C-alpha atoms as a PDB file:
ATOM      1  CA  MET A   1     -34.781  -0.866  19.431  1.00  0.00           C
ATOM      2  CA  ASP A   2     -31.131  -1.555  18.634  1.00  0.00           C
ATOM      3  CA  ALA A   3     -28.169  -2.526  20.903  1.00  0.00           C
ATOM      4  CA  HIS A   4     -27.555   1.045  21.910  1.00  0.00           C
ATOM      5  CA  GLY A   5     -31.053   1.552  23.255  1.00  0.00           C
ATOM      6  CA  VAL A   6     -32.079   3.903  20.428  1.00  0.00           C
ATOM      7  CA  ASP A   7     -35.673   3.724  19.347  1.00  0.00           C
ATOM      8  CA  ARG A   8     -35.497   3.440  15.521  1.00  0.00           C
ATOM      9  CA  VAL A   9     -38.813   4.820  14.317  1.00  0.00           C
ATOM     10  CA  THR A  10     -39.837   6.425  11.111  1.00  0.00           C
ATOM     11  CA  ARG A  11     -41.982   9.369  10.143  1.00  0.00           C
ATOM     12  CA  ASP A  12     -43.169  10.970  13.367  1.00  0.00           C
ATOM     13  CA  GLY A  13     -40.649   9.108  15.594  1.00  0.00           C
ATOM     14  CA  HIS A  14     -37.763  11.454  15.083  1.00  0.00           C
ATOM     15  CA  GLY A  15     -38.599  13.450  18.205  1.00  0.00           C
ATOM     16  CA  ARG A  16     -38.555  10.284  20.319  1.00  0.00           C
ATOM     17  CA  THR A  17     -35.203   9.363  18.772  1.00  0.00           C
ATOM     18  CA  ARG A  18     -33.682  12.632  19.851  1.00  0.00           C
ATOM     19  CA  VAL A  19     -35.029  12.319  23.359  1.00  0.00           C
ATOM     20  CA  HIS A  20     -33.660   8.738  23.767  1.00  0.00           C
ATOM     21  CA  LEU A  21     -30.308   9.871  22.442  1.00  0.00           C
ATOM     22  CA  ALA A  22     -30.264  12.708  24.960  1.00  0.00           C
ATOM     23  CA  ASP A  23     -31.033  10.257  27.808  1.00  0.00           C
ATOM     24  CA  LEU A  24     -28.314   7.910  26.561  1.00  0.00           C
ATOM     25  CA  LEU A  25     -25.723  10.662  26.477  1.00  0.00           C
ATOM     26  CA  HIS A  26     -26.853  11.820  29.854  1.00  0.00           C
ATOM     27  CA  HIS A  27     -26.305   8.434  31.424  1.00  0.00           C
ATOM     28  CA  ARG A  28     -22.972   7.906  29.682  1.00  0.00           C
ATOM     29  CA  ALA A  29     -21.732  11.286  30.940  1.00  0.00           C
ATOM     30  CA  ASP A  30     -22.737  10.339  34.458  1.00  0.00           C
ATOM     31  CA  GLY A  31     -20.689   7.103  34.281  1.00  0.00           C
ATOM     32  CA  ARG A  32     -17.563   8.653  32.600  1.00  0.00           C
ATOM     33  CA  PHE A  33     -17.248  11.931  34.410  1.00  0.00           C
ATOM     34  CA  GLY A  34     -18.910  11.159  37.723  1.00  0.00           C
ATOM     35  CA  LEU A  35     -21.762  13.513  37.186  1.00  0.00           C
ATOM     36  CA  ALA A  36     -24.835  12.383  38.972  1.00  0.00           C
ATOM     37  CA  HIS A  37     -28.215  13.868  39.388  1.00  0.00           C
ATOM     38  CA  GLY A  38     -31.579  12.247  39.708  1.00  0.00           C
ATOM     39  CA  SER A  39     -33.317  13.981  36.818  1.00  0.00           C
ATOM     40  CA  SER A  40     -33.284  13.399  33.077  1.00  0.00           C
ATOM     41  CA  PRO A  41     -32.644  16.234  30.621  1.00  0.00           C
ATOM     42  CA  ARG A  42     -36.397  16.543  30.093  1.00  0.00           C
ATOM     43  CA  ALA A  43     -37.001  17.032  33.755  1.00  0.00           C
ATOM     44  CA  LEU A  44     -34.140  19.430  34.108  1.00  0.00           C
ATOM     45  CA  SER A  45     -35.439  21.492  31.199  1.00  0.00           C
ATOM     46  CA  GLY A  46     -38.771  21.754  32.767  1.00  0.00           C
ATOM     47  CA  TRP A  47     -37.287  22.754  36.088  1.00  0.00           C
ATOM     48  CA  ARG A  48     -35.140  25.483  34.467  1.00  0.00           C
ATOM     49  CA  SER A  49     -38.203  26.829  32.613  1.00  0.00           C
ATOM     50  CA  ALA A  50     -40.123  26.985  35.892  1.00  0.00           C
ATOM     51  CA  ARG A  51     -37.323  28.753  37.641  1.00  0.00           C
ATOM     52  CA  LEU A  52     -36.960  31.229  34.743  1.00  0.00           C
ATOM     53  CA  ALA A  53     -40.674  32.026  34.923  1.00  0.00           C
ATOM     54  CA  ALA A  54     -40.581  32.347  38.655  1.00  0.00           C
ATOM     55  CA  LEU A  55     -37.815  34.969  38.185  1.00  0.00           C
ATOM     56  CA  VAL A  56     -39.134  36.848  35.153  1.00  0.00           C
ATOM     57  CA  VAL A  57     -42.838  37.203  36.118  1.00  0.00           C
ATOM     58  CA  PRO A  58     -42.204  39.059  39.408  1.00  0.00           C
ATOM     59  CA  ILE A  59     -39.691  41.304  37.713  1.00  0.00           C
ATOM     60  CA  GLY A  60     -42.201  42.139  35.005  1.00  0.00           C
ATOM     61  CA  LEU A  61     -45.031  42.797  37.468  1.00  0.00           C
ATOM     62  CA  SER A  62     -42.771  45.025  39.587  1.00  0.00           C
ATOM     63  CA  GLY A  63     -42.768  47.523  36.706  1.00  0.00           C
ATOM     64  CA  CYS A  64     -46.544  47.893  36.875  1.00  0.00           C
ATOM     65  CA  ALA A  65     -46.454  49.854  40.140  1.00  0.00           C
ATOM     66  CA  GLY A  66     -44.561  52.764  41.669  1.00  0.00           C
ATOM     67  CA  ASN A  67     -44.418  56.525  41.485  1.00  0.00           C
ATOM     68  CA  LEU A  68     -43.601  56.448  37.737  1.00  0.00           C
ATOM     69  CA  SER A  69     -46.042  53.803  36.625  1.00  0.00           C
ATOM     70  CA  ALA A  70     -48.558  54.756  33.935  1.00  0.00           C
ATOM     71  CA  LEU A  71     -50.591  51.692  34.982  1.00  0.00           C
ATOM     72  CA  ASP A  72     -51.173  53.228  38.433  1.00  0.00           C
ATOM     73  CA  PRO A  73     -53.217  56.298  37.386  1.00  0.00           C
ATOM     74  CA  ALA A  74     -54.086  59.157  39.788  1.00  0.00           C
ATOM     75  CA  GLY A  75     -55.996  61.353  37.376  1.00  0.00           C
ATOM     76  CA  PRO A  76     -58.521  61.214  34.521  1.00  0.00           C
ATOM     77  CA  ALA A  77     -55.956  61.749  31.746  1.00  0.00           C
ATOM     78  CA  ALA A  78     -53.743  58.983  33.179  1.00  0.00           C
ATOM     79  CA  ARG A  79     -56.732  56.673  33.496  1.00  0.00           C
ATOM     80  CA  SER A  80     -57.539  57.160  29.829  1.00  0.00           C
ATOM     81  CA  THR A  81     -53.941  56.344  28.925  1.00  0.00           C
ATOM     82  CA  ALA A  82     -53.953  53.235  31.149  1.00  0.00           C
ATOM     83  CA  THR A  83     -57.264  52.089  29.655  1.00  0.00           C
ATOM     84  CA  LEU A  84     -55.831  52.517  26.155  1.00  0.00           C
ATOM     85  CA  TRP A  85     -52.787  50.452  27.162  1.00  0.00           C
ATOM     86  CA  TRP A  86     -54.921  47.610  28.486  1.00  0.00           C
ATOM     87  CA  VAL A  87     -57.141  47.641  25.420  1.00  0.00           C
ATOM     88  CA  MET A  88     -54.038  47.442  23.171  1.00  0.00           C
ATOM     89  CA  ALA A  89     -52.600  44.677  25.382  1.00  0.00           C
ATOM     90  CA  ALA A  90     -55.833  42.749  25.212  1.00  0.00           C
ATOM     91  CA  GLY A  91     -56.108  43.122  21.482  1.00  0.00           C
ATOM     92  CA  GLY A  92     -52.489  41.970  20.999  1.00  0.00           C
ATOM     93  CA  THR A  93     -53.003  38.998  23.272  1.00  0.00           C
ATOM     94  CA  ALA A  94     -56.127  37.936  21.441  1.00  0.00           C
ATOM     95  CA  ILE A  95     -54.367  38.079  18.086  1.00  0.00           C
ATOM     96  CA  PHE A  96     -51.405  36.138  19.529  1.00  0.00           C
ATOM     97  CA  ILE A  97     -53.678  33.408  20.877  1.00  0.00           C
ATOM     98  CA  LEU A  98     -55.517  33.152  17.574  1.00  0.00           C
ATOM     99  CA  VAL A  99     -52.230  32.723  15.661  1.00  0.00           C
ATOM    100  CA  MET A 100     -50.985  30.110  18.145  1.00  0.00           C
ATOM    101  CA  VAL A 101     -54.302  28.169  17.871  1.00  0.00           C
ATOM    102  CA  LEU A 102     -54.098  28.148  14.029  1.00  0.00           C
ATOM    103  CA  LEU A 103     -50.444  27.100  14.223  1.00  0.00           C
ATOM    104  CA  THR A 104     -51.269  24.270  16.580  1.00  0.00           C
ATOM    105  CA  ILE A 105     -54.115  23.059  14.420  1.00  0.00           C
ATOM    106  CA  ALA A 106     -51.800  23.140  11.382  1.00  0.00           C
ATOM    107  CA  PHE A 107     -49.252  20.936  13.197  1.00  0.00           C
ATOM    108  CA  LEU A 108     -51.791  18.481  14.701  1.00  0.00           C
ATOM    109  CA  ARG A 109     -53.960  18.171  11.634  1.00  0.00           C
ATOM    110  CA  PRO A 110     -51.811  18.576   8.481  1.00  0.00           C
ATOM    111  CA  GLY A 111     -53.777  19.395   5.401  1.00  0.00           C
ATOM    112  CA  ILE A 112     -56.738  21.037   7.203  1.00  0.00           C
ATOM    113  CA  GLY A 113     -58.075  23.922   5.220  1.00  0.00           C
ATOM    114  CA  ARG A 114     -56.452  22.731   2.009  1.00  0.00           C
ATOM    115  CA  ASP A 115     -59.805  22.836   0.246  1.00  0.00           C
ATOM    116  CA  VAL A 116     -60.149  26.553   1.006  1.00  0.00           C
ATOM    117  CA  ASP A 117     -59.104  28.891  -1.806  1.00  0.00           C
ATOM    118  CA  PRO A 118     -55.762  30.520  -0.824  1.00  0.00           C
ATOM    119  CA  LYS A 119     -57.160  33.899  -1.940  1.00  0.00           C
ATOM    120  CA  ARG A 120     -59.771  33.627   0.786  1.00  0.00           C
ATOM    121  CA  TRP A 121     -57.095  33.104   3.408  1.00  0.00           C
ATOM    122  CA  LEU A 122     -55.181  36.112   2.148  1.00  0.00           C
ATOM    123  CA  VAL A 123     -58.200  38.391   1.903  1.00  0.00           C
ATOM    124  CA  TRP A 124     -59.919  37.485   5.180  1.00  0.00           C
ATOM    125  CA  GLY A 125     -56.871  36.651   7.281  1.00  0.00           C
ATOM    126  CA  GLY A 126     -54.387  39.147   5.792  1.00  0.00           C
ATOM    127  CA  LEU A 127     -56.653  42.127   4.936  1.00  0.00           C
ATOM    128  CA  VAL A 128     -60.146  42.085   6.428  1.00  0.00           C
ATOM    129  CA  PHE A 129     -59.317  40.843   9.961  1.00  0.00           C
ATOM    130  CA  PRO A 130     -56.269  43.148  10.511  1.00  0.00           C
ATOM    131  CA  SER A 131     -58.188  46.089   9.048  1.00  0.00           C
ATOM    132  CA  ILE A 132     -61.078  45.622  11.469  1.00  0.00           C
ATOM    133  CA  VAL A 133     -58.803  45.259  14.490  1.00  0.00           C
ATOM    134  CA  LEU A 134     -56.506  48.121  13.607  1.00  0.00           C
ATOM    135  CA  SER A 135     -59.464  50.421  12.777  1.00  0.00           C
ATOM    136  CA  ALA A 136     -61.127  49.698  16.093  1.00  0.00           C
ATOM    137  CA  LEU A 137     -57.849  50.301  18.065  1.00  0.00           C
ATOM    138  CA  LEU A 138     -57.170  53.542  16.084  1.00  0.00           C
ATOM    139  CA  THR A 139     -60.670  54.883  16.709  1.00  0.00           C
ATOM    140  CA  PHE A 140     -60.439  54.180  20.388  1.00  0.00           C
ATOM    141  CA  ALA A 141     -57.004  55.801  20.591  1.00  0.00           C
ATOM    142  CA  LEU A 142     -58.182  58.916  18.735  1.00  0.00           C
ATOM    143  CA  LEU A 143     -61.184  59.283  21.073  1.00  0.00           C
ATOM    144  CA  THR A 144     -58.917  58.876  24.095  1.00  0.00           C
ATOM    145  CA  GLY A 145     -56.381  61.408  22.794  1.00  0.00           C
ATOM    146  CA  GLU A 146     -59.229  63.942  22.160  1.00  0.00           C
ATOM    147  CA  ARG A 147     -60.173  63.821  25.839  1.00  0.00           C
ATOM    148  CA  LEU A 148     -56.569  64.682  26.761  1.00  0.00           C
ATOM    149  CA  LEU A 149     -56.491  68.008  24.820  1.00  0.00           C
ATOM    150  CA  ALA A 150     -56.437  71.299  26.651  1.00  0.00           C
ATOM    151  CA  HIS A 151     -59.644  72.969  25.435  1.00  0.00           C
ATOM    152  CA  PRO A 152     -59.442  76.695  26.096  1.00  0.00           C
ATOM    153  CA  GLN A 153     -63.181  77.111  26.902  1.00  0.00           C
ATOM    154  CA  THR A 154     -62.909  74.942  30.065  1.00  0.00           C
ATOM    155  CA  PRO A 155     -63.673  77.121  33.171  1.00  0.00           C
ATOM    156  CA  GLY A 156     -61.571  77.121  36.329  1.00  0.00           C
ATOM    157  CA  VAL A 157     -58.364  76.009  34.704  1.00  0.00           C
ATOM    158  CA  VAL A 158     -55.046  76.837  36.441  1.00  0.00           C
ATOM    159  CA  THR A 159     -52.118  77.628  34.165  1.00  0.00           C
ATOM    160  CA  VAL A 160     -48.455  77.031  34.952  1.00  0.00           C
ATOM    161  CA  GLU A 161     -45.286  77.089  32.880  1.00  0.00           C
ATOM    162  CA  ALA A 162     -42.634  74.332  32.728  1.00  0.00           C
ATOM    163  CA  ARG A 163     -39.334  75.394  31.324  1.00  0.00           C
ATOM    164  CA  PRO A 164     -36.728  72.610  30.915  1.00  0.00           C
ATOM    165  CA  HIS A 165     -33.027  73.380  30.777  1.00  0.00           C
ATOM    166  CA  GLN A 166     -29.916  71.256  30.564  1.00  0.00           C
ATOM    167  CA  TRP A 167     -30.469  69.618  33.032  1.00  0.00           C
ATOM    168  CA  TYR A 168     -33.180  70.755  35.405  1.00  0.00           C
ATOM    169  CA  TRP A 169     -36.857  71.922  35.342  1.00  0.00           C
ATOM    170  CA  GLU A 170     -38.028  75.442  36.154  1.00  0.00           C
ATOM    171  CA  PHE A 171     -41.666  76.142  37.011  1.00  0.00           C
ATOM    172  CA  HIS A 172     -43.447  79.502  36.786  1.00  0.00           C
ATOM    173  CA  TYR A 173     -46.959  80.402  38.034  1.00  0.00           C
ATOM    174  CA  PRO A 174     -48.144  83.352  35.910  1.00  0.00           C
ATOM    175  CA  GLY A 175     -50.978  85.262  37.502  1.00  0.00           C
ATOM    176  CA  LEU A 176     -50.572  83.393  40.806  1.00  0.00           C
ATOM    177  CA  THR A 177     -47.133  84.216  42.155  1.00  0.00           C
ATOM    178  CA  GLU A 178     -43.746  85.460  41.057  1.00  0.00           C
ATOM    179  CA  THR A 179     -42.059  82.592  42.865  1.00  0.00           C
ATOM    180  CA  VAL A 180     -40.090  80.292  40.535  1.00  0.00           C
ATOM    181  CA  THR A 181     -39.503  76.756  41.732  1.00  0.00           C
ATOM    182  CA  ASN A 182     -36.976  74.240  40.429  1.00  0.00           C
ATOM    183  CA  GLU A 183     -37.477  70.488  40.387  1.00  0.00           C
ATOM    184  CA  VAL A 184     -40.889  70.796  42.214  1.00  0.00           C
ATOM    185  CA  LEU A 185     -44.206  71.741  40.543  1.00  0.00           C
ATOM    186  CA  HIS A 186     -47.089  72.776  42.754  1.00  0.00           C
ATOM    187  CA  ILE A 187     -50.673  72.255  41.547  1.00  0.00           C
ATOM    188  CA  PRO A 188     -54.146  72.125  43.168  1.00  0.00           C
ATOM    189  CA  ALA A 189     -55.797  68.713  43.492  1.00  0.00           C
ATOM    190  CA  GLY A 190     -59.110  68.154  41.773  1.00  0.00           C
ATOM    191  CA  VAL A 191     -58.661  71.173  39.418  1.00  0.00           C
ATOM    192  CA  PRO A 192     -57.642  70.980  35.734  1.00  0.00           C
ATOM    193  CA  VAL A 193     -54.129  72.421  35.267  1.00  0.00           C
ATOM    194  CA  ASP A 194     -52.759  73.487  31.870  1.00  0.00           C
ATOM    195  CA  ILE A 195     -49.029  72.943  31.698  1.00  0.00           C
ATOM    196  CA  ARG A 196     -47.464  75.264  29.136  1.00  0.00           C
ATOM    197  CA  VAL A 197     -44.191  73.539  28.265  1.00  0.00           C
ATOM    198  CA  VAL A 198     -41.776  76.193  26.842  1.00  0.00           C
ATOM    199  CA  GLY A 199     -38.729  74.974  24.995  1.00  0.00           C
ATOM    200  CA  THR A 200     -35.459  76.692  25.920  1.00  0.00           C
ATOM    201  CA  ASP A 201     -32.379  74.889  24.622  1.00  0.00           C
ATOM    202  CA  VAL A 202     -32.762  71.397  23.221  1.00  0.00           C
ATOM    203  CA  ILE A 203     -35.787  69.077  22.819  1.00  0.00           C
ATOM    204  CA  HIS A 204     -37.027  67.744  26.173  1.00  0.00           C
ATOM    205  CA  SER A 205     -40.264  66.005  27.008  1.00  0.00           C
ATOM    206  CA  PHE A 206     -42.538  66.667  30.032  1.00  0.00           C
ATOM    207  CA  TRP A 207     -44.073  63.496  31.545  1.00  0.00           C
ATOM    208  CA  VAL A 208     -45.846  62.752  34.759  1.00  0.00           C
ATOM    209  CA  PRO A 209     -46.879  59.068  34.190  1.00  0.00           C
ATOM    210  CA  ARG A 210     -49.481  58.860  36.997  1.00  0.00           C
ATOM    211  CA  LEU A 211     -51.233  62.108  35.898  1.00  0.00           C
ATOM    212  CA  GLY A 212     -51.225  61.943  32.150  1.00  0.00           C
ATOM    213  CA  GLY A 213     -49.377  61.610  28.856  1.00  0.00           C
ATOM    214  CA  LYS A 214     -46.186  63.316  27.841  1.00  0.00           C
ATOM    215  CA  ILE A 215     -45.538  66.295  25.600  1.00  0.00           C
ATOM    216  CA  ASP A 216     -42.370  67.573  23.952  1.00  0.00           C
ATOM    217  CA  ALA A 217     -40.625  70.831  24.772  1.00  0.00           C
ATOM    218  CA  ILE A 218     -39.332  72.197  21.439  1.00  0.00           C
ATOM    219  CA  PRO A 219     -37.208  75.341  21.281  1.00  0.00           C
ATOM    220  CA  GLY A 220     -39.262  78.170  19.808  1.00  0.00           C
ATOM    221  CA  HIS A 221     -42.627  76.491  20.500  1.00  0.00           C
ATOM    222  CA  VAL A 222     -45.131  76.326  23.361  1.00  0.00           C
ATOM    223  CA  ASN A 223     -46.990  73.032  23.787  1.00  0.00           C
ATOM    224  CA  VAL A 224     -49.803  72.609  26.298  1.00  0.00           C
ATOM    225  CA  ILE A 225     -50.966  69.499  28.169  1.00  0.00           C
ATOM    226  CA  ARG A 226     -53.804  69.364  30.704  1.00  0.00           C
ATOM    227  CA  LEU A 227     -53.388  67.304  33.916  1.00  0.00           C
ATOM    228  CA  THR A 228     -55.660  66.759  36.889  1.00  0.00           C
ATOM    229  CA  ALA A 229     -54.736  65.088  40.132  1.00  0.00           C
ATOM    230  CA  ASP A 230     -57.629  63.242  41.773  1.00  0.00           C
ATOM    231  CA  ARG A 231     -56.316  63.785  45.263  1.00  0.00           C
ATOM    232  CA  PRO A 232     -53.470  65.510  47.119  1.00  0.00           C
ATOM    233  CA  GLY A 233     -50.163  63.737  46.978  1.00  0.00           C
ATOM    234  CA  THR A 234     -46.661  63.739  45.479  1.00  0.00           C
ATOM    235  CA  PHE A 235     -46.088  62.317  41.999  1.00  0.00           C
ATOM    236  CA  GLY A 236     -42.908  61.689  40.085  1.00  0.00           C
ATOM    237  CA  GLY A 237     -42.061  63.328  36.757  1.00  0.00           C
ATOM    238  CA  VAL A 238     -39.287  62.801  34.249  1.00  0.00           C
ATOM    239  CA  CYS A 239     -37.896  64.074  30.961  1.00  0.00           C
ATOM    240  CA  ALA A 240     -38.977  61.471  28.469  1.00  0.00           C
ATOM    241  CA  GLU A 241     -36.639  62.631  25.725  1.00  0.00           C
ATOM    242  CA  PHE A 242     -32.869  62.088  25.744  1.00  0.00           C
ATOM    243  CA  CYS A 243     -31.402  65.533  26.023  1.00  0.00           C
ATOM    244  CA  GLY A 244     -27.657  64.944  26.677  1.00  0.00           C
ATOM    245  CA  THR A 245     -25.238  63.753  29.252  1.00  0.00           C
ATOM    246  CA  GLY A 246     -27.300  64.996  32.220  1.00  0.00           C
ATOM    247  CA  HIS A 247     -30.532  63.445  31.031  1.00  0.00           C
ATOM    248  CA  VAL A 248     -30.670  61.060  33.958  1.00  0.00           C
ATOM    249  CA  ALA A 249     -30.896  64.056  36.330  1.00  0.00           C
ATOM    250  CA  MET A 250     -34.001  65.529  34.614  1.00  0.00           C
ATOM    251  CA  GLY A 251     -36.427  64.185  37.218  1.00  0.00           C
ATOM    252  CA  PHE A 252     -38.888  66.372  39.182  1.00  0.00           C
ATOM    253  CA  SER A 253     -41.754  66.132  41.613  1.00  0.00           C
ATOM    254  CA  VAL A 254     -45.333  67.290  41.356  1.00  0.00           C
ATOM    255  CA  ILE A 255     -47.054  68.166  44.596  1.00  0.00           C
ATOM    256  CA  ALA A 256     -50.833  68.287  44.432  1.00  0.00           C
ATOM    257  CA  HIS A 257     -52.185  70.437  47.334  1.00  0.00           C
ATOM    258  CA  PRO A 258     -55.807  70.567  48.629  1.00  0.00           C
ATOM    259  CA  GLU A 259     -57.587  73.278  46.567  1.00  0.00           C
ATOM    260  CA  GLU A 260     -58.297  75.442  49.611  1.00  0.00           C
ATOM    261  CA  GLY A 261     -54.586  75.432  50.625  1.00  0.00           C
ATOM    262  CA  PHE A 262     -52.995  75.775  47.190  1.00  0.00           C
ATOM    263  CA  GLU A 263     -52.476  79.593  47.279  1.00  0.00           C
ATOM    264  CA  GLN A 264     -50.940  79.310  50.739  1.00  0.00           C
ATOM    265  CA  ALA A 265     -48.674  76.491  49.550  1.00  0.00           C
ATOM    266  CA  LEU A 266     -47.453  78.712  46.764  1.00  0.00           C
ATOM    267  CA  ALA A 267     -46.845  81.571  49.173  1.00  0.00           C
ATOM    268  CA  ASP A 268     -44.810  79.222  51.355  1.00  0.00           C
ATOM    269  CA  ALA A 269     -42.879  77.722  48.496  1.00  0.00           C
ATOM    270  CA  GLN A 270     -39.286  78.722  48.524  1.00  0.00           C
ATOM    271  CA  ALA A 271     -37.708  79.700  45.231  1.00  0.00           C
ATOM    272  CA  THR A 272     -34.874  77.207  44.952  1.00  0.00           C
ATOM    273  CA  PRO A 273     -31.805  78.376  43.084  1.00  0.00           C
ATOM    274  CA  SER A 274     -31.162  76.833  39.749  1.00  0.00           C
ATOM    275  CA  PRO A 275     -28.076  74.558  39.203  1.00  0.00           C
ATOM    276  CA  GLU A 276     -26.676  77.331  37.011  1.00  0.00           C
ATOM    277  CA  THR A 277     -26.893  79.806  39.958  1.00  0.00           C
ATOM    278  CA  GLN A 278     -25.435  77.304  42.396  1.00  0.00           C
ATOM    279  CA  ASP A 279     -22.372  76.848  40.139  1.00  0.00           C
ATOM    280  CA  GLN A 280     -21.598  80.522  40.140  1.00  0.00           C
ATOM    281  CA  PRO A 281     -18.954  81.726  42.641  1.00  0.00           C
END
């Protein structure tokens, strides 16, 4: 140690040298500028990290709940999607941990694995392992997606039409009622419902996160997605495709009624005027 209190070490002592220099500058700044606090830079850094974690973690977890959370499923299609998300997250976390472990070993024990042929690292670590993981995830994703398809031979399916416009949703109930509702979709609970998404102007995307996946509304095409609500309730829906300046207003609600009261609910539903009609004198 020299006259300035700096620990002069070689090889692996550079880290300690920087820490001692930081402490020295910290104390000199206190004496010259009157700055005084009872913690060293190392302690302050740990405290800041803890405060940041305490702030970020609750914010992140707050996005896992709510009326638009795909991780709070209320139907079989949404549960399959949520399961796929958790499987992907678990697989990604496992790979991240493996990489961090190998990186830590490389730092703590330099030269380990030097006797292994580099080609083996490339083949097994760069080809075989990723291929197995990605193939497993792809297979699971395809099987999950197959269960979300609207198979026409399913009995007892209710069909409704969703027609997006700039910038509102219009819902029709062919074969059930002539009433047209805007911003509110009525469905029976516990019954599979095929949503025929009919494109009208620009590309939109129909999505009710708690009931299932999303599907695009493309002008000139009709796409179908099947949703089922486990129980009566109200669920939020959004347009998941940027469609212009009024995109933020493209939200809607899905009301799942008890099956025995669904027809009466449709009869009682008031046909709300569209924004285009409201703007007319």
